[in-house]
Amino acid sequence: MFEEAAENVAKVRENLRIAQSRQKSYANKRRRELTFEAGEFVYLKVSPLRGTKRFPMRGKLAPRYVGPYRIKKKIGDRAYELELPEHLSGVHLVFHVSQLRKCLRLPEDQISPEAVDLQDNLEYLEYPVQILDRVEKGTRRARIPVCKVLWSNHSEREATWEKESELREKYPHLFENM
């Protein structure tokens, strides 16, 4: 009986090893090692701060990057110290490689961090600028008015549909001219 249990345990361990090896090979196919040298330029990841109601919206949670900023030096295997401007003096200078994106060429027209109004925790506030369209969506029993909203720091292509009642509650100034 003990020998049979030991054989079953050995089979389970072998199956686990095979499954782990397979999953590791799947993960490693998509992984790429990012490394930077001192003097290179990188973009820094920032995230929009919209509250918990906005999190189901995928398009608005796309990562945003500011910069480019020059790398001062490499710290360890995966961390880099950046040269940040004075208005970001409250931000720690060392970042993990996951917070950086390679700058392939220096753009002529850069978005300044002052225009985005970055906080010390690298978040910025989003607010609606204009209502582009209004429609009533219907369910079996109710009609729900929704509005297509243009958000700050975004193009019309990235506008989202929001419930009119929530917009009237939070942003009544959008409905003054309607």
N, C-alpha and C. Protein backbone atom coordinates (compact mmCIF):
# COMPACT_ATOMS: atom_id res chain seq x y z
N MET A 1 0.83 -1.18 0.00
CA MET A 1 0.00 0.00 0.00
C MET A 1 0.88 1.27 0.00
N PHE A 2 1.97 1.24 0.81
CA PHE A 2 2.86 2.39 0.85
C PHE A 2 3.60 2.58 -0.46
N GLU A 3 3.96 1.48 -1.09
CA GLU A 3 4.66 1.55 -2.37
C GLU A 3 3.75 2.15 -3.45
N GLU A 4 2.48 1.77 -3.42
CA GLU A 4 1.51 2.32 -4.38
C GLU A 4 1.32 3.81 -4.18
N ALA A 5 1.23 4.24 -2.94
CA ALA A 5 1.10 5.67 -2.64
C ALA A 5 2.35 6.43 -3.08
N ALA A 6 3.53 5.85 -2.86
CA ALA A 6 4.78 6.49 -3.27
C ALA A 6 4.85 6.61 -4.78
N GLU A 7 4.39 5.58 -5.50
CA GLU A 7 4.35 5.65 -6.97
C GLU A 7 3.40 6.74 -7.45
N ASN A 8 2.24 6.84 -6.81
CA ASN A 8 1.27 7.88 -7.20
C ASN A 8 1.82 9.28 -6.94
N VAL A 9 2.51 9.45 -5.83
CA VAL A 9 3.14 10.74 -5.52
C VAL A 9 4.21 11.06 -6.56
N ALA A 10 4.98 10.09 -6.96
CA ALA A 10 6.01 10.30 -7.98
C ALA A 10 5.39 10.70 -9.32
N LYS A 11 4.26 10.05 -9.68
CA LYS A 11 3.57 10.40 -10.93
C LYS A 11 3.05 11.83 -10.89
N VAL A 12 2.46 12.20 -9.75
CA VAL A 12 1.93 13.57 -9.61
C VAL A 12 3.05 14.59 -9.71
N ARG A 13 4.17 14.31 -9.04
CA ARG A 13 5.31 15.25 -9.10
C ARG A 13 5.84 15.38 -10.53
N GLU A 14 5.90 14.30 -11.25
CA GLU A 14 6.37 14.34 -12.64
C GLU A 14 5.41 15.14 -13.51
N ASN A 15 4.10 14.91 -13.33
CA ASN A 15 3.11 15.67 -14.10
C ASN A 15 3.18 17.16 -13.78
N LEU A 16 3.39 17.51 -12.51
CA LEU A 16 3.54 18.92 -12.13
C LEU A 16 4.78 19.54 -12.78
N ARG A 17 5.89 18.79 -12.78
CA ARG A 17 7.12 19.31 -13.40
C ARG A 17 6.92 19.56 -14.88
N ILE A 18 6.22 18.64 -15.56
CA ILE A 18 5.96 18.80 -17.00
C ILE A 18 5.07 20.01 -17.25
N ALA A 19 4.03 20.19 -16.43
CA ALA A 19 3.11 21.33 -16.59
C ALA A 19 3.83 22.65 -16.34
N GLN A 20 4.68 22.69 -15.31
CA GLN A 20 5.43 23.91 -15.02
C GLN A 20 6.39 24.25 -16.16
N SER A 21 7.02 23.24 -16.71
CA SER A 21 7.94 23.45 -17.82
C SER A 21 7.20 24.01 -19.04
N ARG A 22 6.02 23.46 -19.32
CA ARG A 22 5.22 23.93 -20.44
C ARG A 22 4.79 25.39 -20.24
N GLN A 23 4.30 25.72 -19.04
CA GLN A 23 3.87 27.09 -18.76
C GLN A 23 5.04 28.06 -18.83
N LYS A 24 6.21 27.63 -18.37
CA LYS A 24 7.38 28.49 -18.42
C LYS A 24 7.77 28.79 -19.87
N SER A 25 7.68 27.79 -20.74
CA SER A 25 8.03 28.02 -22.13
C SER A 25 7.02 28.97 -22.79
N TYR A 26 5.73 28.88 -22.43
CA TYR A 26 4.73 29.81 -22.96
C TYR A 26 5.03 31.23 -22.51
N ALA A 27 5.36 31.40 -21.25
CA ALA A 27 5.63 32.74 -20.71
C ALA A 27 6.89 33.33 -21.32
N ASN A 28 7.91 32.52 -21.51
CA ASN A 28 9.18 33.03 -22.02
C ASN A 28 9.13 33.43 -23.49
N LYS A 29 8.16 32.90 -24.24
CA LYS A 29 8.05 33.29 -25.65
C LYS A 29 7.69 34.76 -25.79
N ARG A 30 6.86 35.28 -24.88
CA ARG A 30 6.43 36.68 -24.97
C ARG A 30 7.31 37.64 -24.18
N ARG A 31 8.16 37.13 -23.33
CA ARG A 31 8.98 37.98 -22.49
C ARG A 31 10.18 38.49 -23.27
N ARG A 32 10.46 39.76 -23.07
CA ARG A 32 11.67 40.30 -23.67
C ARG A 32 12.41 41.10 -22.61
N GLU A 33 13.68 40.96 -22.60
CA GLU A 33 14.50 41.62 -21.60
C GLU A 33 14.80 43.04 -22.05
N LEU A 34 14.38 44.02 -21.27
CA LEU A 34 14.68 45.42 -21.55
C LEU A 34 15.87 45.85 -20.72
N THR A 35 16.85 46.40 -21.36
CA THR A 35 17.98 46.97 -20.65
C THR A 35 18.29 48.32 -21.27
N PHE A 36 18.73 49.22 -20.45
CA PHE A 36 19.08 50.57 -20.90
C PHE A 36 20.48 50.90 -20.42
N GLU A 37 21.09 51.85 -21.07
CA GLU A 37 22.41 52.33 -20.68
C GLU A 37 22.28 53.76 -20.19
N ALA A 38 23.26 54.22 -19.42
CA ALA A 38 23.28 55.60 -18.95
C ALA A 38 23.37 56.53 -20.16
N GLY A 39 22.57 57.57 -20.15
CA GLY A 39 22.55 58.53 -21.25
C GLY A 39 21.42 58.30 -22.23
N GLU A 40 20.79 57.14 -22.23
CA GLU A 40 19.65 56.88 -23.12
C GLU A 40 18.42 57.62 -22.60
N PHE A 41 17.46 57.80 -23.50
CA PHE A 41 16.20 58.44 -23.12
C PHE A 41 15.10 57.39 -23.02
N VAL A 42 14.23 57.56 -22.01
CA VAL A 42 13.10 56.65 -21.80
C VAL A 42 11.86 57.48 -21.46
N TYR A 43 10.69 56.87 -21.67
CA TYR A 43 9.43 57.45 -21.24
C TYR A 43 9.06 56.85 -19.90
N LEU A 44 8.38 57.63 -19.07
CA LEU A 44 7.99 57.21 -17.74
C LEU A 44 6.48 56.99 -17.69
N LYS A 45 6.07 55.87 -17.12
CA LYS A 45 4.66 55.49 -17.08
C LYS A 45 3.92 56.29 -16.00
N VAL A 46 2.78 56.84 -16.37
CA VAL A 46 1.89 57.50 -15.42
C VAL A 46 0.51 56.89 -15.58
N SER A 47 -0.36 57.05 -14.60
CA SER A 47 -1.68 56.43 -14.69
C SER A 47 -2.76 57.45 -14.41
N PRO A 48 -3.88 57.38 -15.15
CA PRO A 48 -4.99 58.30 -14.91
C PRO A 48 -5.71 57.95 -13.62
N LEU A 49 -6.18 58.96 -12.90
CA LEU A 49 -6.88 58.78 -11.64
C LEU A 49 -8.32 59.17 -11.85
N ARG A 50 -9.20 58.19 -11.94
CA ARG A 50 -10.59 58.47 -12.25
C ARG A 50 -11.56 57.92 -11.22
N GLY A 51 -11.11 57.25 -10.22
CA GLY A 51 -12.01 56.66 -9.25
C GLY A 51 -12.37 55.24 -9.65
N THR A 52 -12.99 54.53 -8.73
CA THR A 52 -13.25 53.11 -8.96
C THR A 52 -14.35 52.87 -9.96
N LYS A 53 -15.25 53.82 -10.20
CA LYS A 53 -16.32 53.61 -11.17
C LYS A 53 -15.78 53.53 -12.59
N ARG A 54 -14.65 54.12 -12.85
CA ARG A 54 -14.12 54.18 -14.21
C ARG A 54 -13.31 52.94 -14.57
N PHE A 55 -12.95 52.09 -13.61
CA PHE A 55 -12.05 50.99 -13.91
C PHE A 55 -12.57 49.98 -14.91
N PRO A 56 -13.88 49.73 -15.05
CA PRO A 56 -14.29 48.78 -16.08
C PRO A 56 -14.02 49.26 -17.50
N MET A 57 -13.77 50.53 -17.70
CA MET A 57 -13.53 51.07 -19.04
C MET A 57 -12.10 50.75 -19.45
N ARG A 58 -11.95 49.92 -20.45
CA ARG A 58 -10.62 49.48 -20.86
C ARG A 58 -9.83 50.56 -21.59
N GLY A 59 -10.47 51.28 -22.49
CA GLY A 59 -9.75 52.24 -23.31
C GLY A 59 -9.09 53.33 -22.50
N LYS A 60 -9.72 53.69 -21.40
CA LYS A 60 -9.19 54.77 -20.59
C LYS A 60 -8.09 54.31 -19.65
N LEU A 61 -7.93 53.01 -19.50
CA LEU A 61 -6.89 52.52 -18.62
C LEU A 61 -5.62 52.16 -19.37
N ALA A 62 -5.57 52.48 -20.64
CA ALA A 62 -4.35 52.21 -21.40
C ALA A 62 -3.21 53.00 -20.77
N PRO A 63 -2.03 52.41 -20.67
CA PRO A 63 -0.92 53.11 -20.03
C PRO A 63 -0.57 54.39 -20.78
N ARG A 64 -0.23 55.39 -20.04
CA ARG A 64 0.21 56.67 -20.61
C ARG A 64 1.65 56.92 -20.17
N TYR A 65 2.41 57.54 -21.02
CA TYR A 65 3.81 57.79 -20.73
C TYR A 65 4.12 59.26 -20.93
N VAL A 66 5.00 59.80 -20.08
CA VAL A 66 5.47 61.18 -20.23
C VAL A 66 6.98 61.13 -20.40
N GLY A 67 7.50 62.22 -20.89
CA GLY A 67 8.95 62.25 -21.06
C GLY A 67 9.30 62.75 -22.44
N PRO A 68 10.42 62.45 -22.94
CA PRO A 68 11.43 61.50 -22.48
C PRO A 68 12.37 62.11 -21.43
N TYR A 69 12.92 61.24 -20.60
CA TYR A 69 13.88 61.62 -19.58
C TYR A 69 15.15 60.80 -19.78
N ARG A 70 16.28 61.44 -19.44
CA ARG A 70 17.58 60.79 -19.60
C ARG A 70 17.87 59.89 -18.39
N ILE A 71 18.50 58.75 -18.65
CA ILE A 71 18.91 57.84 -17.57
C ILE A 71 20.26 58.30 -17.03
N LYS A 72 20.31 58.53 -15.70
CA LYS A 72 21.57 58.91 -15.07
C LYS A 72 22.49 57.71 -14.92
N LYS A 73 21.94 56.66 -14.26
CA LYS A 73 22.76 55.47 -14.05
C LYS A 73 21.88 54.26 -13.80
N LYS A 74 22.49 53.10 -13.97
CA LYS A 74 21.81 51.83 -13.74
C LYS A 74 22.06 51.42 -12.30
N ILE A 75 20.98 51.01 -11.61
CA ILE A 75 21.10 50.59 -10.22
C ILE A 75 20.63 49.14 -10.14
N GLY A 76 21.52 48.22 -9.94
CA GLY A 76 21.16 46.81 -9.90
C GLY A 76 20.84 46.29 -11.30
N ASP A 77 20.08 45.19 -11.35
CA ASP A 77 19.76 44.58 -12.63
C ASP A 77 18.57 45.24 -13.31
N ARG A 78 17.57 45.67 -12.56
CA ARG A 78 16.30 46.09 -13.13
C ARG A 78 15.89 47.52 -12.78
N ALA A 79 16.70 48.30 -12.09
CA ALA A 79 16.33 49.64 -11.66
C ALA A 79 17.23 50.68 -12.31
N TYR A 80 16.65 51.86 -12.56
CA TYR A 80 17.38 52.94 -13.21
C TYR A 80 17.06 54.26 -12.53
N GLU A 81 18.06 55.11 -12.44
CA GLU A 81 17.88 56.45 -11.89
C GLU A 81 17.73 57.42 -13.06
N LEU A 82 16.67 58.26 -13.00
CA LEU A 82 16.38 59.18 -14.09
C LEU A 82 16.69 60.61 -13.70
N GLU A 83 16.95 61.44 -14.70
CA GLU A 83 17.08 62.88 -14.50
C GLU A 83 15.69 63.49 -14.70
N LEU A 84 15.01 63.83 -13.60
CA LEU A 84 13.67 64.41 -13.69
C LEU A 84 13.75 65.92 -13.53
N PRO A 85 12.82 66.67 -14.12
CA PRO A 85 12.82 68.12 -13.97
C PRO A 85 12.47 68.55 -12.54
N GLU A 86 12.66 69.84 -12.26
CA GLU A 86 12.46 70.36 -10.90
C GLU A 86 11.04 70.20 -10.39
N HIS A 87 10.04 70.37 -11.25
CA HIS A 87 8.66 70.31 -10.76
C HIS A 87 8.27 68.90 -10.35
N LEU A 88 9.07 67.89 -10.66
CA LEU A 88 8.84 66.52 -10.20
C LEU A 88 9.82 66.16 -9.08
N SER A 89 10.22 67.14 -8.29
CA SER A 89 11.20 66.89 -7.24
C SER A 89 10.65 66.00 -6.13
N GLY A 90 9.33 65.91 -5.99
CA GLY A 90 8.74 65.05 -4.97
C GLY A 90 8.71 63.60 -5.36
N VAL A 91 9.02 63.29 -6.61
CA VAL A 91 8.99 61.91 -7.11
C VAL A 91 10.36 61.28 -6.89
N HIS A 92 10.37 60.03 -6.44
CA HIS A 92 11.62 59.30 -6.26
C HIS A 92 12.29 59.12 -7.61
N LEU A 93 13.58 59.21 -7.66
CA LEU A 93 14.31 59.20 -8.94
C LEU A 93 14.57 57.80 -9.51
N VAL A 94 14.41 56.74 -8.71
CA VAL A 94 14.73 55.39 -9.14
C VAL A 94 13.45 54.65 -9.54
N PHE A 95 13.47 54.03 -10.74
CA PHE A 95 12.30 53.34 -11.26
C PHE A 95 12.67 51.94 -11.74
N HIS A 96 11.71 51.03 -11.58
CA HIS A 96 11.87 49.67 -12.09
C HIS A 96 11.70 49.70 -13.61
N VAL A 97 12.29 48.77 -14.30
CA VAL A 97 12.25 48.72 -15.75
C VAL A 97 10.81 48.60 -16.27
N SER A 98 9.90 48.03 -15.48
CA SER A 98 8.51 47.90 -15.91
C SER A 98 7.81 49.24 -16.02
N GLN A 99 8.33 50.29 -15.38
CA GLN A 99 7.73 51.62 -15.43
C GLN A 99 8.31 52.47 -16.56
N LEU A 100 9.19 51.90 -17.35
CA LEU A 100 9.87 52.66 -18.41
C LEU A 100 9.54 52.09 -19.78
N ARG A 101 9.60 52.95 -20.78
CA ARG A 101 9.44 52.53 -22.17
C ARG A 101 10.56 53.17 -22.97
N LYS A 102 11.13 52.40 -23.86
CA LYS A 102 12.26 52.86 -24.65
C LYS A 102 11.84 54.00 -25.57
N CYS A 103 12.68 55.01 -25.65
CA CYS A 103 12.45 56.14 -26.54
C CYS A 103 13.28 55.89 -27.79
N LEU A 104 12.60 55.63 -28.90
CA LEU A 104 13.31 55.29 -30.13
C LEU A 104 13.93 56.51 -30.79
N ARG A 105 13.25 57.63 -30.73
CA ARG A 105 13.82 58.88 -31.24
C ARG A 105 13.26 60.02 -30.42
N LEU A 106 14.01 61.08 -30.31
CA LEU A 106 13.54 62.23 -29.54
C LEU A 106 12.55 63.02 -30.38
N PRO A 107 11.29 63.14 -29.93
CA PRO A 107 10.30 63.89 -30.71
C PRO A 107 10.55 65.39 -30.62
N GLU A 108 10.17 66.08 -31.69
CA GLU A 108 10.33 67.53 -31.70
C GLU A 108 9.28 68.19 -30.79
N ASP A 109 8.05 67.68 -30.85
CA ASP A 109 6.98 68.25 -30.03
C ASP A 109 6.69 67.29 -28.88
N GLN A 110 7.16 67.65 -27.70
CA GLN A 110 6.98 66.80 -26.53
C GLN A 110 5.82 67.32 -25.69
N ILE A 111 5.10 66.41 -25.07
CA ILE A 111 4.05 66.81 -24.14
C ILE A 111 4.72 67.09 -22.81
N SER A 112 4.53 68.30 -22.33
CA SER A 112 5.17 68.65 -21.06
C SER A 112 4.36 68.09 -19.90
N PRO A 113 5.03 67.67 -18.85
CA PRO A 113 4.31 67.15 -17.69
C PRO A 113 3.44 68.22 -17.02
N GLU A 114 3.75 69.51 -17.22
CA GLU A 114 2.91 70.56 -16.64
C GLU A 114 1.53 70.55 -17.29
N ALA A 115 1.46 70.22 -18.58
CA ALA A 115 0.18 70.19 -19.29
C ALA A 115 -0.70 69.07 -18.78
N VAL A 116 -0.11 67.99 -18.30
CA VAL A 116 -0.86 66.85 -17.80
C VAL A 116 -1.17 67.02 -16.33
N ASP A 117 -0.49 67.91 -15.60
CA ASP A 117 -0.70 68.16 -14.18
C ASP A 117 -0.44 66.90 -13.37
N LEU A 118 0.80 66.42 -13.41
CA LEU A 118 1.18 65.21 -12.67
C LEU A 118 1.26 65.48 -11.18
N GLN A 119 0.77 64.53 -10.40
CA GLN A 119 0.89 64.59 -8.94
C GLN A 119 2.22 63.93 -8.56
N ASP A 120 2.55 63.97 -7.27
CA ASP A 120 3.80 63.35 -6.80
C ASP A 120 3.79 61.84 -6.92
N ASN A 121 2.61 61.23 -6.98
CA ASN A 121 2.54 59.77 -7.12
C ASN A 121 2.39 59.35 -8.58
N LEU A 122 2.70 60.25 -9.51
CA LEU A 122 2.66 60.01 -10.95
C LEU A 122 1.26 59.65 -11.45
N GLU A 123 0.24 60.28 -10.90
CA GLU A 123 -1.13 60.15 -11.37
C GLU A 123 -1.60 61.53 -11.80
N TYR A 124 -2.59 61.55 -12.68
CA TYR A 124 -3.16 62.82 -13.09
C TYR A 124 -4.68 62.70 -13.15
N LEU A 125 -5.36 63.83 -12.98
CA LEU A 125 -6.82 63.83 -12.95
C LEU A 125 -7.39 63.94 -14.36
N GLU A 126 -8.45 63.20 -14.61
CA GLU A 126 -9.18 63.27 -15.87
C GLU A 126 -10.52 63.94 -15.59
N TYR A 127 -10.96 64.79 -16.51
CA TYR A 127 -12.25 65.43 -16.36
C TYR A 127 -12.88 65.57 -17.73
N PRO A 128 -14.23 65.57 -17.79
CA PRO A 128 -14.89 65.69 -19.09
C PRO A 128 -14.82 67.11 -19.61
N VAL A 129 -14.58 67.24 -20.90
CA VAL A 129 -14.47 68.55 -21.53
C VAL A 129 -15.77 68.92 -22.23
N GLN A 130 -16.39 67.96 -22.90
CA GLN A 130 -17.53 68.27 -23.75
C GLN A 130 -18.36 67.02 -23.97
N ILE A 131 -19.66 67.23 -24.18
CA ILE A 131 -20.55 66.13 -24.56
C ILE A 131 -20.69 66.16 -26.08
N LEU A 132 -20.32 65.05 -26.71
CA LEU A 132 -20.31 64.99 -28.17
C LEU A 132 -21.65 64.50 -28.74
N ASP A 133 -22.32 63.59 -28.04
CA ASP A 133 -23.55 63.01 -28.57
C ASP A 133 -24.40 62.50 -27.41
N ARG A 134 -25.73 62.42 -27.63
CA ARG A 134 -26.65 61.88 -26.63
C ARG A 134 -27.55 60.86 -27.29
N VAL A 135 -27.77 59.73 -26.62
CA VAL A 135 -28.60 58.64 -27.15
C VAL A 135 -29.32 58.00 -25.96
N GLU A 136 -30.47 57.38 -26.26
CA GLU A 136 -31.15 56.60 -25.23
C GLU A 136 -30.96 55.12 -25.53
N LYS A 137 -30.39 54.41 -24.58
CA LYS A 137 -30.23 52.97 -24.71
C LYS A 137 -31.43 52.32 -24.04
N GLY A 138 -31.93 51.27 -24.64
CA GLY A 138 -33.13 50.65 -24.09
C GLY A 138 -32.90 49.25 -23.59
N THR A 139 -33.53 48.96 -22.47
CA THR A 139 -33.60 47.59 -21.99
C THR A 139 -35.06 47.16 -22.17
N ARG A 140 -35.42 46.04 -21.65
CA ARG A 140 -36.80 45.58 -21.80
C ARG A 140 -37.79 46.49 -21.09
N ARG A 141 -37.39 47.02 -19.96
CA ARG A 141 -38.32 47.79 -19.13
C ARG A 141 -37.97 49.25 -18.98
N ALA A 142 -36.78 49.66 -19.34
CA ALA A 142 -36.39 51.05 -19.06
C ALA A 142 -35.60 51.63 -20.21
N ARG A 143 -35.59 52.94 -20.24
CA ARG A 143 -34.77 53.71 -21.19
C ARG A 143 -33.71 54.44 -20.38
N ILE A 144 -32.46 54.30 -20.80
CA ILE A 144 -31.35 54.91 -20.08
C ILE A 144 -30.66 55.91 -21.01
N PRO A 145 -30.73 57.21 -20.68
CA PRO A 145 -30.03 58.20 -21.50
C PRO A 145 -28.52 58.15 -21.24
N VAL A 146 -27.74 58.08 -22.31
CA VAL A 146 -26.28 58.08 -22.21
C VAL A 146 -25.70 59.17 -23.09
N CYS A 147 -24.51 59.63 -22.71
CA CYS A 147 -23.84 60.70 -23.43
C CYS A 147 -22.44 60.25 -23.83
N LYS A 148 -22.03 60.67 -25.02
CA LYS A 148 -20.65 60.41 -25.47
C LYS A 148 -19.81 61.59 -24.99
N VAL A 149 -18.79 61.29 -24.14
CA VAL A 149 -18.04 62.33 -23.45
C VAL A 149 -16.61 62.38 -23.96
N LEU A 150 -16.15 63.59 -24.26
CA LEU A 150 -14.75 63.84 -24.62
C LEU A 150 -14.00 64.16 -23.33
N TRP A 151 -12.96 63.40 -23.02
CA TRP A 151 -12.19 63.57 -21.80
C TRP A 151 -10.95 64.41 -22.06
N SER A 152 -10.47 65.07 -21.01
CA SER A 152 -9.26 65.88 -21.12
C SER A 152 -8.08 64.98 -21.46
N ASN A 153 -7.13 65.51 -22.18
CA ASN A 153 -5.91 64.80 -22.60
C ASN A 153 -6.18 63.62 -23.52
N HIS A 154 -7.37 63.58 -24.19
CA HIS A 154 -7.70 62.49 -25.10
C HIS A 154 -8.32 63.05 -26.37
N SER A 155 -8.29 62.26 -27.42
CA SER A 155 -8.88 62.66 -28.69
C SER A 155 -10.33 62.21 -28.75
N GLU A 156 -11.05 62.63 -29.81
CA GLU A 156 -12.45 62.23 -29.98
C GLU A 156 -12.57 60.73 -30.18
N ARG A 157 -11.57 60.11 -30.74
CA ARG A 157 -11.59 58.67 -30.96
C ARG A 157 -11.65 57.90 -29.64
N GLU A 158 -11.14 58.50 -28.58
CA GLU A 158 -11.12 57.85 -27.28
C GLU A 158 -12.28 58.25 -26.38
N ALA A 159 -13.27 58.94 -26.93
CA ALA A 159 -14.43 59.35 -26.13
C ALA A 159 -15.21 58.12 -25.68
N THR A 160 -15.86 58.23 -24.51
CA THR A 160 -16.59 57.09 -23.95
C THR A 160 -18.05 57.44 -23.73
N TRP A 161 -18.88 56.41 -23.67
CA TRP A 161 -20.29 56.57 -23.37
C TRP A 161 -20.50 56.44 -21.86
N GLU A 162 -21.15 57.44 -21.27
CA GLU A 162 -21.39 57.47 -19.84
C GLU A 162 -22.87 57.71 -19.57
N LYS A 163 -23.36 57.26 -18.42
CA LYS A 163 -24.75 57.51 -18.04
C LYS A 163 -24.96 58.99 -17.80
N GLU A 164 -26.06 59.53 -18.37
CA GLU A 164 -26.33 60.95 -18.24
C GLU A 164 -26.60 61.34 -16.79
N SER A 165 -27.27 60.48 -16.04
CA SER A 165 -27.58 60.81 -14.64
C SER A 165 -26.30 60.98 -13.82
N GLU A 166 -25.32 60.13 -14.03
CA GLU A 166 -24.06 60.25 -13.30
C GLU A 166 -23.31 61.51 -13.71
N LEU A 167 -23.34 61.83 -15.00
CA LEU A 167 -22.67 63.05 -15.47
C LEU A 167 -23.34 64.29 -14.91
N ARG A 168 -24.67 64.33 -14.89
CA ARG A 168 -25.39 65.49 -14.33
C ARG A 168 -25.07 65.68 -12.86
N GLU A 169 -24.89 64.58 -12.15
CA GLU A 169 -24.59 64.65 -10.72
C GLU A 169 -23.18 65.17 -10.47
N LYS A 170 -22.21 64.64 -11.21
CA LYS A 170 -20.81 64.99 -10.97
C LYS A 170 -20.37 66.27 -11.69
N TYR A 171 -20.88 66.47 -12.91
CA TYR A 171 -20.42 67.59 -13.75
C TYR A 171 -21.62 68.35 -14.30
N PRO A 172 -22.35 69.10 -13.47
CA PRO A 172 -23.55 69.82 -13.96
C PRO A 172 -23.22 70.92 -14.97
N HIS A 173 -22.00 71.44 -14.97
CA HIS A 173 -21.63 72.52 -15.89
C HIS A 173 -21.67 72.06 -17.35
N LEU A 174 -21.60 70.77 -17.61
CA LEU A 174 -21.66 70.27 -18.99
C LEU A 174 -23.05 70.42 -19.61
N PHE A 175 -24.09 70.54 -18.78
CA PHE A 175 -25.46 70.57 -19.26
C PHE A 175 -26.09 71.96 -19.20
N GLU A 176 -25.31 72.99 -18.91
CA GLU A 176 -25.85 74.35 -18.82
C GLU A 176 -26.37 74.86 -20.15
N ASN A 177 -25.71 74.53 -21.26
CA ASN A 177 -26.09 75.05 -22.57
C ASN A 177 -27.11 74.15 -23.28
N MET A 178 -27.52 73.05 -22.66
CA MET A 178 -28.43 72.10 -23.32
C MET A 178 -29.85 72.35 -22.91
